[in-house]
């Protein structure tokens, strides 16, 4: 085998191994911030005139959503929240509300 053929064979072998190494290497995963989270609250006020339900989470924050027809004070509600991509809860939005349970007097 001539010297040029040996160099060509070695170069091609290195290129093939480098290609296989890059193709088989695990992809770097970028962390994804979850935008949705669940929040459990207790209904503290139902205003049927304005169709508004006010509920309080266990940190004392008040949240409001529309659709008062099936809600009563004391109901437990599970809110699906969107964090709007921020760390502050004050711009979070209610995406959905689901009945959780009826809460007995404490």
N, C-alpha and C. Protein backbone atom coordinates (compact mmCIF):
# COMPACT_ATOMS: atom_id res chain seq x y z
N UNK A 1 0.84 -1.17 0.00
CA UNK A 1 0.00 0.00 0.00
C UNK A 1 0.89 1.24 0.00
N UNK A 2 0.54 2.19 -0.82
CA UNK A 2 1.33 3.42 -0.92
C UNK A 2 1.04 4.32 0.28
N UNK A 3 1.94 5.24 0.54
CA UNK A 3 1.82 6.17 1.66
C UNK A 3 0.57 7.03 1.53
N UNK A 4 0.27 7.52 0.36
CA UNK A 4 -0.93 8.35 0.14
C UNK A 4 -2.20 7.55 0.43
N UNK A 5 -2.21 6.27 0.06
CA UNK A 5 -3.38 5.43 0.33
C UNK A 5 -3.56 5.22 1.83
N UNK A 6 -2.45 5.04 2.56
CA UNK A 6 -2.52 4.85 4.01
C UNK A 6 -3.05 6.11 4.69
N UNK A 7 -2.56 7.26 4.28
CA UNK A 7 -3.03 8.53 4.85
C UNK A 7 -4.52 8.73 4.57
N UNK A 8 -4.93 8.43 3.33
CA UNK A 8 -6.34 8.56 2.96
C UNK A 8 -7.20 7.61 3.80
N UNK A 9 -6.77 6.38 3.99
CA UNK A 9 -7.52 5.39 4.77
C UNK A 9 -7.63 5.83 6.23
N UNK A 10 -6.54 6.31 6.80
CA UNK A 10 -6.57 6.77 8.19
C UNK A 10 -7.48 7.99 8.33
N UNK A 11 -7.39 8.93 7.40
CA UNK A 11 -8.23 10.13 7.44
C UNK A 11 -9.71 9.76 7.33
N UNK A 12 -10.05 8.88 6.44
CA UNK A 12 -11.44 8.46 6.27
C UNK A 12 -11.95 7.74 7.52
N UNK A 13 -11.10 6.90 8.12
CA UNK A 13 -11.48 6.19 9.34
C UNK A 13 -11.75 7.19 10.47
N UNK A 14 -10.90 8.19 10.62
CA UNK A 14 -11.11 9.21 11.64
C UNK A 14 -12.39 10.00 11.40
N UNK A 15 -12.66 10.32 10.16
CA UNK A 15 -13.89 11.06 9.82
C UNK A 15 -15.12 10.22 10.16
N UNK A 16 -15.09 8.94 9.84
CA UNK A 16 -16.23 8.05 10.13
C UNK A 16 -16.44 7.94 11.63
N UNK A 17 -15.35 7.71 12.42
CA UNK A 17 -15.49 7.61 13.87
C UNK A 17 -15.97 8.93 14.49
N UNK A 18 -15.48 10.05 13.99
CA UNK A 18 -15.92 11.35 14.52
C UNK A 18 -17.40 11.57 14.23
N UNK A 19 -17.84 11.19 13.05
CA UNK A 19 -19.25 11.33 12.68
C UNK A 19 -20.12 10.46 13.57
N UNK A 20 -19.71 9.22 13.78
CA UNK A 20 -20.47 8.31 14.65
C UNK A 20 -20.49 8.81 16.09
N UNK A 21 -19.37 9.34 16.57
CA UNK A 21 -19.31 9.86 17.93
C UNK A 21 -20.27 11.02 18.12
N UNK A 22 -20.28 11.94 17.18
CA UNK A 22 -21.18 13.11 17.26
C UNK A 22 -22.64 12.68 17.15
N UNK A 23 -22.93 11.75 16.24
CA UNK A 23 -24.30 11.31 16.04
C UNK A 23 -24.83 10.54 17.24
N UNK A 24 -23.97 9.81 17.94
CA UNK A 24 -24.42 8.98 19.07
C UNK A 24 -24.34 9.70 20.41
N UNK A 25 -23.74 10.86 20.46
CA UNK A 25 -23.63 11.59 21.72
C UNK A 25 -25.01 12.05 22.17
N UNK A 26 -25.29 11.97 23.47
CA UNK A 26 -26.62 12.40 23.94
C UNK A 26 -26.80 13.90 23.73
N UNK A 27 -28.00 14.25 23.31
CA UNK A 27 -28.31 15.67 23.08
C UNK A 27 -28.43 16.38 24.42
N UNK A 28 -27.97 17.60 24.47
CA UNK A 28 -28.11 18.40 25.68
C UNK A 28 -29.55 18.85 25.77
N UNK A 29 -30.15 18.57 26.91
CA UNK A 29 -31.53 18.98 27.12
C UNK A 29 -31.55 20.34 27.79
N UNK A 30 -32.33 21.22 27.23
CA UNK A 30 -32.48 22.52 27.86
C UNK A 30 -33.61 22.41 28.88
N UNK A 31 -33.39 22.90 30.09
CA UNK A 31 -34.44 22.81 31.10
C UNK A 31 -35.64 23.65 30.68
N UNK A 32 -36.82 23.10 30.88
CA UNK A 32 -38.05 23.78 30.52
C UNK A 32 -38.81 24.12 31.80
N UNK A 33 -39.10 25.36 31.98
CA UNK A 33 -39.88 25.80 33.13
C UNK A 33 -41.33 25.42 32.90
N UNK A 34 -41.89 24.73 33.87
CA UNK A 34 -43.31 24.40 33.75
C UNK A 34 -44.12 25.66 33.92
N UNK A 35 -45.03 25.87 33.02
CA UNK A 35 -45.85 27.07 33.09
C UNK A 35 -47.17 26.82 33.81
N UNK A 36 -47.60 25.57 33.89
CA UNK A 36 -48.87 25.24 34.53
C UNK A 36 -48.62 24.57 35.87
N UNK A 37 -49.45 24.90 36.85
CA UNK A 37 -49.37 24.24 38.15
C UNK A 37 -50.76 24.23 38.78
N UNK A 38 -50.95 23.34 39.74
CA UNK A 38 -52.23 23.22 40.43
C UNK A 38 -52.18 23.99 41.74
N UNK A 39 -53.29 24.59 42.09
CA UNK A 39 -53.39 25.35 43.33
C UNK A 39 -54.73 25.02 43.98
N UNK A 40 -54.68 24.54 45.21
CA UNK A 40 -55.90 24.20 45.94
C UNK A 40 -56.34 25.40 46.77
N UNK A 41 -57.64 25.71 46.68
CA UNK A 41 -58.18 26.87 47.40
C UNK A 41 -59.52 26.51 48.02
N UNK A 42 -59.98 27.39 48.88
CA UNK A 42 -61.32 27.28 49.46
C UNK A 42 -62.14 28.47 48.99
N UNK A 43 -63.35 28.21 48.56
CA UNK A 43 -64.24 29.28 48.11
C UNK A 43 -64.66 30.08 49.34
N UNK A 44 -64.44 31.40 49.29
CA UNK A 44 -64.78 32.27 50.42
C UNK A 44 -65.93 33.23 50.10
N UNK A 45 -66.24 33.41 48.82
CA UNK A 45 -67.35 34.29 48.44
C UNK A 45 -67.86 33.90 47.06
N UNK A 46 -69.17 33.91 46.93
CA UNK A 46 -69.80 33.65 45.63
C UNK A 46 -70.75 34.81 45.36
N UNK A 47 -70.49 35.57 44.30
CA UNK A 47 -71.34 36.70 43.92
C UNK A 47 -72.08 36.31 42.65
N UNK A 48 -73.33 35.90 42.83
CA UNK A 48 -74.11 35.43 41.67
C UNK A 48 -74.51 36.58 40.75
N UNK A 49 -74.56 37.81 41.26
CA UNK A 49 -74.90 38.96 40.42
C UNK A 49 -73.80 39.24 39.39
N UNK A 50 -72.56 39.16 39.82
CA UNK A 50 -71.45 39.41 38.89
C UNK A 50 -70.86 38.11 38.34
N UNK A 51 -71.42 36.95 38.78
CA UNK A 51 -70.99 35.62 38.32
C UNK A 51 -69.53 35.36 38.69
N UNK A 52 -69.10 35.88 39.87
CA UNK A 52 -67.71 35.78 40.28
C UNK A 52 -67.57 34.91 41.52
N UNK A 53 -66.57 34.04 41.49
CA UNK A 53 -66.22 33.20 42.64
C UNK A 53 -64.88 33.69 43.16
N UNK A 54 -64.81 33.97 44.46
CA UNK A 54 -63.56 34.36 45.09
C UNK A 54 -63.11 33.21 45.98
N UNK A 55 -61.85 32.81 45.82
CA UNK A 55 -61.32 31.73 46.64
C UNK A 55 -59.99 32.15 47.24
N UNK A 56 -59.64 31.48 48.33
CA UNK A 56 -58.42 31.82 49.06
C UNK A 56 -57.52 30.59 49.12
N UNK A 57 -56.23 30.78 48.79
CA UNK A 57 -55.29 29.67 48.92
C UNK A 57 -54.77 29.63 50.35
N UNK A 58 -53.95 28.65 50.64
CA UNK A 58 -53.49 28.46 52.02
C UNK A 58 -52.42 29.45 52.45
N UNK A 59 -52.00 30.33 51.55
CA UNK A 59 -51.10 31.43 51.91
C UNK A 59 -51.87 32.73 52.13
N UNK A 60 -53.18 32.70 51.96
CA UNK A 60 -54.00 33.88 52.17
C UNK A 60 -54.22 34.72 50.92
N UNK A 61 -53.72 34.26 49.76
CA UNK A 61 -53.94 35.00 48.51
C UNK A 61 -55.35 34.74 48.00
N UNK A 62 -55.98 35.79 47.50
CA UNK A 62 -57.33 35.68 46.94
C UNK A 62 -57.27 35.58 45.43
N UNK A 63 -58.09 34.69 44.86
CA UNK A 63 -58.16 34.48 43.42
C UNK A 63 -59.62 34.53 43.01
N UNK A 64 -59.90 35.06 41.83
CA UNK A 64 -61.28 35.16 41.34
C UNK A 64 -61.39 34.54 39.96
N UNK A 65 -62.55 33.90 39.73
CA UNK A 65 -62.87 33.40 38.40
C UNK A 65 -64.37 33.52 38.19
N UNK A 66 -64.78 33.42 36.97
CA UNK A 66 -66.19 33.56 36.61
C UNK A 66 -66.84 32.19 36.47
N UNK A 67 -68.14 32.15 36.74
CA UNK A 67 -68.90 30.92 36.63
C UNK A 67 -69.40 30.47 37.99
N UNK A 68 -70.22 31.31 38.63
CA UNK A 68 -70.62 31.09 40.02
C UNK A 68 -71.77 30.12 40.20
N UNK A 69 -72.40 29.65 39.13
CA UNK A 69 -73.65 28.90 39.26
C UNK A 69 -73.56 27.65 40.12
N UNK A 70 -72.44 26.94 40.14
CA UNK A 70 -72.35 25.67 40.86
C UNK A 70 -71.52 25.74 42.13
N UNK A 71 -71.10 26.92 42.55
CA UNK A 71 -70.18 27.04 43.67
C UNK A 71 -70.87 27.56 44.91
N UNK A 72 -70.39 27.09 46.08
CA UNK A 72 -70.88 27.57 47.37
C UNK A 72 -69.68 27.87 48.26
N UNK A 73 -69.88 28.77 49.21
CA UNK A 73 -68.83 29.09 50.17
C UNK A 73 -68.47 27.81 50.93
N UNK A 74 -67.18 27.57 51.07
CA UNK A 74 -66.70 26.37 51.76
C UNK A 74 -66.27 25.26 50.82
N UNK A 75 -66.63 25.37 49.53
CA UNK A 75 -66.19 24.36 48.57
C UNK A 75 -64.68 24.40 48.41
N UNK A 76 -64.11 23.26 48.15
CA UNK A 76 -62.68 23.16 47.84
C UNK A 76 -62.55 23.17 46.32
N UNK A 77 -61.68 24.02 45.81
CA UNK A 77 -61.52 24.15 44.37
C UNK A 77 -60.06 23.91 44.00
N UNK A 78 -59.85 23.17 42.93
CA UNK A 78 -58.51 22.97 42.40
C UNK A 78 -58.37 23.85 41.17
N UNK A 79 -57.47 24.83 41.26
CA UNK A 79 -57.26 25.76 40.16
C UNK A 79 -56.07 25.30 39.33
N UNK A 80 -56.20 25.36 38.03
CA UNK A 80 -55.07 25.15 37.14
C UNK A 80 -54.55 26.53 36.79
N UNK A 81 -53.30 26.79 37.17
CA UNK A 81 -52.73 28.12 37.06
C UNK A 81 -51.64 28.16 36.00
N UNK A 82 -51.49 29.32 35.35
CA UNK A 82 -50.40 29.59 34.42
C UNK A 82 -49.50 30.62 35.08
N UNK A 83 -48.21 30.29 35.24
CA UNK A 83 -47.31 31.21 35.94
C UNK A 83 -46.82 32.36 35.06
N UNK A 84 -47.23 32.42 33.82
CA UNK A 84 -46.88 33.49 32.88
C UNK A 84 -45.38 33.63 32.68
N UNK A 85 -44.62 32.59 33.04
CA UNK A 85 -43.18 32.61 32.83
C UNK A 85 -42.41 33.48 33.80
N UNK A 86 -43.06 33.86 34.91
CA UNK A 86 -42.39 34.72 35.89
C UNK A 86 -42.34 34.01 37.24
N UNK A 87 -41.53 34.53 38.15
CA UNK A 87 -41.43 33.94 39.48
C UNK A 87 -42.49 34.50 40.44
N UNK A 88 -43.01 35.66 40.15
CA UNK A 88 -44.02 36.28 41.01
C UNK A 88 -45.39 35.65 40.74
N UNK A 89 -46.15 35.43 41.81
CA UNK A 89 -47.48 34.84 41.63
C UNK A 89 -48.52 35.90 41.27
N UNK A 90 -48.17 37.16 41.38
CA UNK A 90 -49.17 38.21 41.23
C UNK A 90 -49.62 38.44 39.79
N UNK A 91 -48.94 37.85 38.83
CA UNK A 91 -49.41 37.93 37.45
C UNK A 91 -49.86 36.57 36.93
N UNK A 92 -49.97 35.58 37.82
CA UNK A 92 -50.44 34.26 37.41
C UNK A 92 -51.92 34.33 37.03
N UNK A 93 -52.30 33.48 36.10
CA UNK A 93 -53.68 33.47 35.60
C UNK A 93 -54.33 32.12 35.85
N UNK A 94 -55.61 32.15 36.15
CA UNK A 94 -56.39 30.92 36.32
C UNK A 94 -56.76 30.42 34.93
N UNK A 95 -56.36 29.19 34.64
CA UNK A 95 -56.67 28.58 33.35
C UNK A 95 -57.95 27.76 33.45
N UNK A 96 -58.17 27.13 34.61
CA UNK A 96 -59.37 26.32 34.81
C UNK A 96 -59.63 26.11 36.29
N UNK A 97 -60.88 25.80 36.62
CA UNK A 97 -61.27 25.54 37.99
C UNK A 97 -62.08 24.26 38.03
N UNK A 98 -61.73 23.37 38.96
CA UNK A 98 -62.42 22.09 39.10
C UNK A 98 -62.84 21.91 40.55
N UNK A 99 -64.05 21.42 40.72
CA UNK A 99 -64.56 21.15 42.06
C UNK A 99 -63.68 20.10 42.73
N UNK A 100 -63.25 20.39 43.97
CA UNK A 100 -62.40 19.44 44.68
C UNK A 100 -63.16 18.67 45.74
N UNK A 101 -63.89 19.39 46.61
CA UNK A 101 -64.62 18.72 47.69
C UNK A 101 -65.42 19.75 48.47
N UNK A 102 -66.33 19.24 49.24
CA UNK A 102 -67.05 20.08 50.17
C UNK A 102 -66.29 20.02 51.48
N UNK A 103 -66.04 21.15 52.10
CA UNK A 103 -65.23 21.21 53.30
C UNK A 103 -66.15 21.43 54.51
N UNK A 104 -66.02 20.55 55.51
CA UNK A 104 -66.79 20.71 56.73
C UNK A 104 -66.24 21.89 57.52
N UNK A 105 -67.07 22.43 58.40
CA UNK A 105 -66.60 23.54 59.26
C UNK A 105 -65.38 23.06 60.04
N UNK A 106 -64.43 23.95 60.16
CA UNK A 106 -63.17 23.58 60.82
C UNK A 106 -63.29 23.69 62.31
